[in-house]
Amino acid sequence: MRIKSLELSGFRAFPKEQSFDLDADTIVVMGPNGQGKTSLFDGILWALTGKIARLGEKDQNVVSMYSSSGAASAHLVLRNRQALNIGISRSTDGTNQLIRLTIDGESFEGSSAQNRIL
């Protein structure tokens, strides 16, 4: 499995939409403190699991205080060995969390999506 891309919006250090092209053999993430390096990796973890243990159980902890919509979202695109693109989209308004999984054009939502990810 390979991470192709990540889009974050309203998520922690990324109040505005930010896209990351991660489709390379090696990715180096560097920058000064407070520029979003940890939030980038938190975004991948949150998209996959819906939780970031060090931030606690509350979804409101992932919403940027500068989010114009008051919501956070992450869209992760993976590619498996069969070259199928797998999209995982997760969003929250701080209270309710939504998840959508797309595999080869077929979409799943909610618990069905979460069970397939696991």
N, C-alpha and C. Protein backbone atom coordinates (compact mmCIF):
# COMPACT_ATOMS: atom_id res chain seq x y z
N MET A 1 0.86 -1.17 0.00
CA MET A 1 0.00 0.00 0.00
C MET A 1 0.90 1.23 0.00
N ARG A 2 0.52 2.22 -0.80
CA ARG A 2 1.31 3.44 -0.91
C ARG A 2 0.39 4.65 -0.74
N ILE A 3 0.84 5.63 0.01
CA ILE A 3 0.09 6.88 0.16
C ILE A 3 0.39 7.73 -1.07
N LYS A 4 -0.67 8.13 -1.77
CA LYS A 4 -0.51 8.97 -2.95
C LYS A 4 -0.66 10.45 -2.62
N SER A 5 -1.70 10.78 -1.85
CA SER A 5 -1.92 12.19 -1.56
C SER A 5 -2.77 12.36 -0.30
N LEU A 6 -2.71 13.56 0.22
CA LEU A 6 -3.50 13.93 1.39
C LEU A 6 -3.98 15.36 1.20
N GLU A 7 -5.26 15.58 1.48
CA GLU A 7 -5.81 16.93 1.49
C GLU A 7 -6.40 17.18 2.87
N LEU A 8 -6.03 18.29 3.46
CA LEU A 8 -6.53 18.67 4.78
C LEU A 8 -7.19 20.03 4.68
N SER A 9 -8.27 20.21 5.43
CA SER A 9 -8.96 21.49 5.47
C SER A 9 -9.58 21.66 6.85
N GLY A 10 -9.30 22.80 7.47
CA GLY A 10 -9.84 23.05 8.81
C GLY A 10 -9.27 22.12 9.86
N PHE A 11 -8.17 21.46 9.51
CA PHE A 11 -7.59 20.44 10.37
C PHE A 11 -6.33 20.97 11.05
N ARG A 12 -6.37 21.09 12.36
CA ARG A 12 -5.24 21.51 13.20
C ARG A 12 -4.49 22.70 12.60
N ALA A 13 -3.28 22.53 12.10
CA ALA A 13 -2.47 23.65 11.61
C ALA A 13 -2.86 24.10 10.20
N PHE A 14 -3.88 23.47 9.61
CA PHE A 14 -4.26 23.78 8.24
C PHE A 14 -5.71 24.27 8.16
N PRO A 15 -5.95 25.53 8.54
CA PRO A 15 -7.33 26.04 8.52
C PRO A 15 -7.89 26.15 7.10
N LYS A 16 -7.03 26.40 6.13
CA LYS A 16 -7.45 26.46 4.73
C LYS A 16 -7.06 25.15 4.07
N GLU A 17 -7.70 24.86 2.93
CA GLU A 17 -7.41 23.62 2.23
C GLU A 17 -5.94 23.57 1.79
N GLN A 18 -5.31 22.45 2.08
CA GLN A 18 -3.91 22.24 1.72
C GLN A 18 -3.77 20.83 1.15
N SER A 19 -3.12 20.71 0.01
CA SER A 19 -2.91 19.41 -0.64
C SER A 19 -1.45 19.02 -0.57
N PHE A 20 -1.22 17.72 -0.37
CA PHE A 20 0.14 17.18 -0.29
C PHE A 20 0.27 16.03 -1.28
N ASP A 21 1.21 16.12 -2.20
CA ASP A 21 1.51 15.03 -3.12
C ASP A 21 2.56 14.16 -2.44
N LEU A 22 2.18 12.96 -2.06
CA LEU A 22 3.06 12.07 -1.31
C LEU A 22 3.45 10.84 -2.12
N ASP A 23 3.22 10.88 -3.42
CA ASP A 23 3.46 9.74 -4.30
C ASP A 23 4.92 9.73 -4.76
N ALA A 24 5.81 9.32 -3.87
CA ALA A 24 7.24 9.26 -4.17
C ALA A 24 7.86 8.15 -3.33
N ASP A 25 9.03 7.71 -3.74
CA ASP A 25 9.71 6.66 -2.99
C ASP A 25 10.19 7.16 -1.63
N THR A 26 10.55 8.42 -1.57
CA THR A 26 11.01 9.01 -0.32
C THR A 26 10.39 10.39 -0.16
N ILE A 27 9.91 10.66 1.03
CA ILE A 27 9.35 11.98 1.36
C ILE A 27 10.11 12.52 2.57
N VAL A 28 10.58 13.74 2.47
CA VAL A 28 11.25 14.39 3.58
C VAL A 28 10.38 15.57 4.01
N VAL A 29 10.04 15.60 5.28
CA VAL A 29 9.22 16.69 5.82
C VAL A 29 10.09 17.48 6.78
N MET A 30 10.31 18.74 6.46
CA MET A 30 11.14 19.56 7.34
C MET A 30 10.59 20.98 7.36
N GLY A 31 10.89 21.69 8.42
CA GLY A 31 10.44 23.06 8.55
C GLY A 31 10.55 23.50 9.99
N PRO A 32 10.37 24.79 10.22
CA PRO A 32 10.44 25.32 11.59
C PRO A 32 9.30 24.79 12.45
N ASN A 33 9.48 24.90 13.74
CA ASN A 33 8.42 24.50 14.67
C ASN A 33 7.15 25.30 14.39
N GLY A 34 6.02 24.65 14.57
CA GLY A 34 4.74 25.33 14.43
C GLY A 34 4.25 25.49 13.00
N GLN A 35 4.85 24.79 12.04
CA GLN A 35 4.45 24.95 10.65
C GLN A 35 3.58 23.81 10.11
N GLY A 36 3.28 22.80 10.95
CA GLY A 36 2.32 21.78 10.55
C GLY A 36 2.89 20.40 10.26
N LYS A 37 4.14 20.16 10.60
CA LYS A 37 4.72 18.83 10.33
C LYS A 37 3.95 17.74 11.09
N THR A 38 3.72 17.94 12.35
CA THR A 38 2.98 16.95 13.14
C THR A 38 1.54 16.86 12.67
N SER A 39 0.93 17.98 12.31
CA SER A 39 -0.45 17.98 11.81
C SER A 39 -0.57 17.18 10.52
N LEU A 40 0.45 17.20 9.68
CA LEU A 40 0.45 16.40 8.46
C LEU A 40 0.31 14.92 8.80
N PHE A 41 1.13 14.45 9.71
CA PHE A 41 1.08 13.04 10.11
C PHE A 41 -0.18 12.72 10.91
N ASP A 42 -0.64 13.68 11.71
CA ASP A 42 -1.92 13.51 12.42
C ASP A 42 -3.06 13.34 11.41
N GLY A 43 -3.00 14.08 10.31
CA GLY A 43 -4.03 13.99 9.29
C GLY A 43 -4.11 12.60 8.67
N ILE A 44 -2.97 11.99 8.42
CA ILE A 44 -2.94 10.63 7.88
C ILE A 44 -3.54 9.67 8.91
N LEU A 45 -3.10 9.78 10.15
CA LEU A 45 -3.60 8.90 11.21
C LEU A 45 -5.10 9.08 11.40
N TRP A 46 -5.57 10.31 11.45
CA TRP A 46 -6.99 10.57 11.67
C TRP A 46 -7.84 10.07 10.51
N ALA A 47 -7.36 10.25 9.28
CA ALA A 47 -8.11 9.74 8.11
C ALA A 47 -8.28 8.23 8.21
N LEU A 48 -7.24 7.54 8.63
CA LEU A 48 -7.28 6.07 8.70
C LEU A 48 -8.08 5.55 9.90
N THR A 49 -7.93 6.18 11.06
CA THR A 49 -8.48 5.61 12.29
C THR A 49 -9.61 6.43 12.92
N GLY A 50 -9.67 7.72 12.62
CA GLY A 50 -10.67 8.57 13.25
C GLY A 50 -10.29 9.04 14.63
N LYS A 51 -9.06 8.73 15.04
CA LYS A 51 -8.61 9.10 16.38
C LYS A 51 -7.14 9.53 16.35
N ILE A 52 -6.80 10.40 17.27
CA ILE A 52 -5.40 10.75 17.53
C ILE A 52 -5.26 10.67 19.04
N ALA A 53 -4.70 9.60 19.53
CA ALA A 53 -4.68 9.28 20.97
C ALA A 53 -4.13 10.43 21.82
N ARG A 54 -3.06 11.06 21.38
CA ARG A 54 -2.45 12.10 22.21
C ARG A 54 -3.32 13.34 22.34
N LEU A 55 -4.34 13.47 21.48
CA LEU A 55 -5.25 14.62 21.55
C LEU A 55 -6.53 14.33 22.31
N GLY A 56 -6.71 13.09 22.74
CA GLY A 56 -7.91 12.72 23.46
C GLY A 56 -9.00 12.23 22.52
N GLU A 57 -10.14 11.95 23.10
CA GLU A 57 -11.25 11.33 22.36
C GLU A 57 -12.15 12.34 21.64
N LYS A 58 -12.06 13.61 21.93
CA LYS A 58 -13.00 14.59 21.39
C LYS A 58 -12.60 15.02 19.97
N ASP A 59 -13.55 14.92 19.04
CA ASP A 59 -13.30 15.34 17.67
C ASP A 59 -13.00 16.83 17.56
N GLN A 60 -13.51 17.63 18.48
CA GLN A 60 -13.27 19.07 18.41
C GLN A 60 -11.78 19.39 18.51
N ASN A 61 -10.97 18.47 19.02
CA ASN A 61 -9.53 18.69 19.16
C ASN A 61 -8.80 18.69 17.82
N VAL A 62 -9.42 18.19 16.75
CA VAL A 62 -8.76 18.19 15.44
C VAL A 62 -9.19 19.38 14.59
N VAL A 63 -10.25 20.07 15.00
CA VAL A 63 -10.74 21.22 14.23
C VAL A 63 -9.86 22.44 14.54
N SER A 64 -9.31 23.04 13.50
CA SER A 64 -8.49 24.24 13.66
C SER A 64 -9.34 25.37 14.23
N MET A 65 -8.78 26.11 15.17
CA MET A 65 -9.53 27.24 15.73
C MET A 65 -9.70 28.35 14.69
N TYR A 66 -9.01 28.24 13.56
CA TYR A 66 -9.12 29.22 12.48
C TYR A 66 -9.93 28.69 11.30
N SER A 67 -10.54 27.53 11.45
CA SER A 67 -11.34 26.94 10.38
C SER A 67 -12.53 27.85 10.08
N SER A 68 -12.66 28.30 8.85
CA SER A 68 -13.76 29.21 8.50
C SER A 68 -15.12 28.51 8.56
N SER A 69 -15.14 27.21 8.36
CA SER A 69 -16.40 26.46 8.38
C SER A 69 -16.71 25.87 9.75
N GLY A 70 -15.71 25.86 10.65
CA GLY A 70 -15.90 25.23 11.94
C GLY A 70 -15.82 23.72 11.88
N ALA A 71 -15.32 23.20 10.76
CA ALA A 71 -15.22 21.76 10.56
C ALA A 71 -13.81 21.40 10.09
N ALA A 72 -13.47 20.14 10.24
CA ALA A 72 -12.18 19.62 9.77
C ALA A 72 -12.45 18.47 8.81
N SER A 73 -11.58 18.35 7.81
CA SER A 73 -11.71 17.22 6.89
C SER A 73 -10.33 16.77 6.44
N ALA A 74 -10.27 15.48 6.13
CA ALA A 74 -9.05 14.87 5.60
C ALA A 74 -9.46 13.92 4.49
N HIS A 75 -8.75 13.98 3.38
CA HIS A 75 -8.99 13.05 2.27
C HIS A 75 -7.65 12.42 1.92
N LEU A 76 -7.57 11.12 2.10
CA LEU A 76 -6.35 10.36 1.88
C LEU A 76 -6.56 9.45 0.68
N VAL A 77 -5.60 9.44 -0.24
CA VAL A 77 -5.67 8.53 -1.38
C VAL A 77 -4.50 7.57 -1.29
N LEU A 78 -4.83 6.29 -1.33
CA LEU A 78 -3.85 5.21 -1.28
C LEU A 78 -3.90 4.43 -2.59
N ARG A 79 -2.82 3.73 -2.91
CA ARG A 79 -2.81 2.83 -4.06
C ARG A 79 -2.33 1.48 -3.57
N ASN A 80 -3.09 0.44 -3.88
CA ASN A 80 -2.68 -0.90 -3.44
C ASN A 80 -1.83 -1.59 -4.52
N ARG A 81 -1.45 -2.82 -4.28
CA ARG A 81 -0.56 -3.54 -5.21
C ARG A 81 -1.19 -3.81 -6.56
N GLN A 82 -2.52 -3.83 -6.60
CA GLN A 82 -3.23 -4.03 -7.86
C GLN A 82 -3.45 -2.71 -8.60
N ALA A 83 -2.81 -1.65 -8.11
CA ALA A 83 -2.88 -0.31 -8.69
C ALA A 83 -4.28 0.30 -8.60
N LEU A 84 -5.09 -0.17 -7.64
CA LEU A 84 -6.39 0.43 -7.40
C LEU A 84 -6.24 1.62 -6.47
N ASN A 85 -6.91 2.71 -6.79
CA ASN A 85 -6.91 3.86 -5.89
C ASN A 85 -7.98 3.66 -4.83
N ILE A 86 -7.61 3.93 -3.61
CA ILE A 86 -8.51 3.81 -2.46
C ILE A 86 -8.57 5.18 -1.82
N GLY A 87 -9.76 5.74 -1.73
CA GLY A 87 -9.94 7.06 -1.12
C GLY A 87 -10.63 6.96 0.22
N ILE A 88 -10.07 7.62 1.20
CA ILE A 88 -10.68 7.67 2.53
C ILE A 88 -10.90 9.14 2.86
N SER A 89 -12.15 9.51 3.08
CA SER A 89 -12.50 10.88 3.44
C SER A 89 -13.16 10.86 4.81
N ARG A 90 -12.67 11.71 5.68
CA ARG A 90 -13.23 11.80 7.03
C ARG A 90 -13.44 13.28 7.33
N SER A 91 -14.55 13.59 7.98
CA SER A 91 -14.81 14.98 8.36
C SER A 91 -15.54 15.00 9.69
N THR A 92 -15.44 16.15 10.34
CA THR A 92 -16.14 16.34 11.62
C THR A 92 -16.44 17.82 11.80
N ASP A 93 -17.53 18.07 12.48
CA ASP A 93 -17.85 19.44 12.88
C ASP A 93 -17.49 19.65 14.35
N GLY A 94 -16.76 18.69 14.90
CA GLY A 94 -16.38 18.73 16.30
C GLY A 94 -17.25 17.84 17.16
N THR A 95 -18.41 17.47 16.63
CA THR A 95 -19.34 16.61 17.35
C THR A 95 -19.63 15.33 16.57
N ASN A 96 -19.99 15.49 15.31
CA ASN A 96 -20.34 14.35 14.46
C ASN A 96 -19.22 14.08 13.46
N GLN A 97 -18.87 12.81 13.31
CA GLN A 97 -17.82 12.42 12.39
C GLN A 97 -18.43 11.62 11.25
N LEU A 98 -18.03 11.94 10.03
CA LEU A 98 -18.47 11.23 8.84
C LEU A 98 -17.27 10.59 8.16
N ILE A 99 -17.47 9.40 7.61
CA ILE A 99 -16.39 8.73 6.89
C ILE A 99 -16.94 8.14 5.60
N ARG A 100 -16.14 8.24 4.55
CA ARG A 100 -16.48 7.65 3.26
C ARG A 100 -15.24 6.95 2.71
N LEU A 101 -15.45 5.77 2.20
CA LEU A 101 -14.39 4.96 1.59
C LEU A 101 -14.78 4.69 0.15
N THR A 102 -13.85 4.92 -0.77
CA THR A 102 -14.08 4.62 -2.18
C THR A 102 -12.99 3.67 -2.65
N ILE A 103 -13.43 2.52 -3.18
CA ILE A 103 -12.50 1.53 -3.72
C ILE A 103 -12.93 1.21 -5.14
N ASP A 104 -12.09 1.55 -6.09
CA ASP A 104 -12.35 1.24 -7.49
C ASP A 104 -13.75 1.70 -7.91
N GLY A 105 -14.13 2.92 -7.50
CA GLY A 105 -15.40 3.49 -7.89
C GLY A 105 -16.59 3.10 -7.03
N GLU A 106 -16.43 2.14 -6.13
CA GLU A 106 -17.50 1.73 -5.24
C GLU A 106 -17.36 2.47 -3.91
N SER A 107 -18.46 3.09 -3.44
CA SER A 107 -18.40 3.90 -2.23
C SER A 107 -19.10 3.23 -1.05
N PHE A 108 -18.53 3.47 0.12
CA PHE A 108 -19.08 2.97 1.38
C PHE A 108 -19.05 4.12 2.36
N GLU A 109 -20.05 4.17 3.24
CA GLU A 109 -20.11 5.24 4.23
C GLU A 109 -20.34 4.68 5.62
N GLY A 110 -19.99 5.47 6.63
CA GLY A 110 -20.26 5.14 8.02
C GLY A 110 -19.59 3.86 8.47
N SER A 111 -20.32 3.04 9.22
CA SER A 111 -19.74 1.82 9.80
C SER A 111 -19.29 0.84 8.72
N SER A 112 -19.96 0.83 7.59
CA SER A 112 -19.55 -0.03 6.48
C SER A 112 -18.15 0.36 5.99
N ALA A 113 -17.91 1.64 5.87
CA ALA A 113 -16.59 2.12 5.45
C ALA A 113 -15.54 1.81 6.51
N GLN A 114 -15.87 2.08 7.78
CA GLN A 114 -14.91 1.84 8.87
C GLN A 114 -14.55 0.37 8.95
N ASN A 115 -15.52 -0.52 8.82
CA ASN A 115 -15.25 -1.96 8.88
C ASN A 115 -14.35 -2.41 7.73
N ARG A 116 -14.54 -1.86 6.56
CA ARG A 116 -13.68 -2.23 5.41
C ARG A 116 -12.25 -1.72 5.60
N ILE A 117 -12.11 -0.56 6.22
CA ILE A 117 -10.76 -0.03 6.48
C ILE A 117 -10.04 -0.94 7.46
N LEU A 118 -10.74 -1.36 8.51
CA LEU A 118 -10.13 -2.24 9.50
C LEU A 118 -9.78 -3.57 8.89
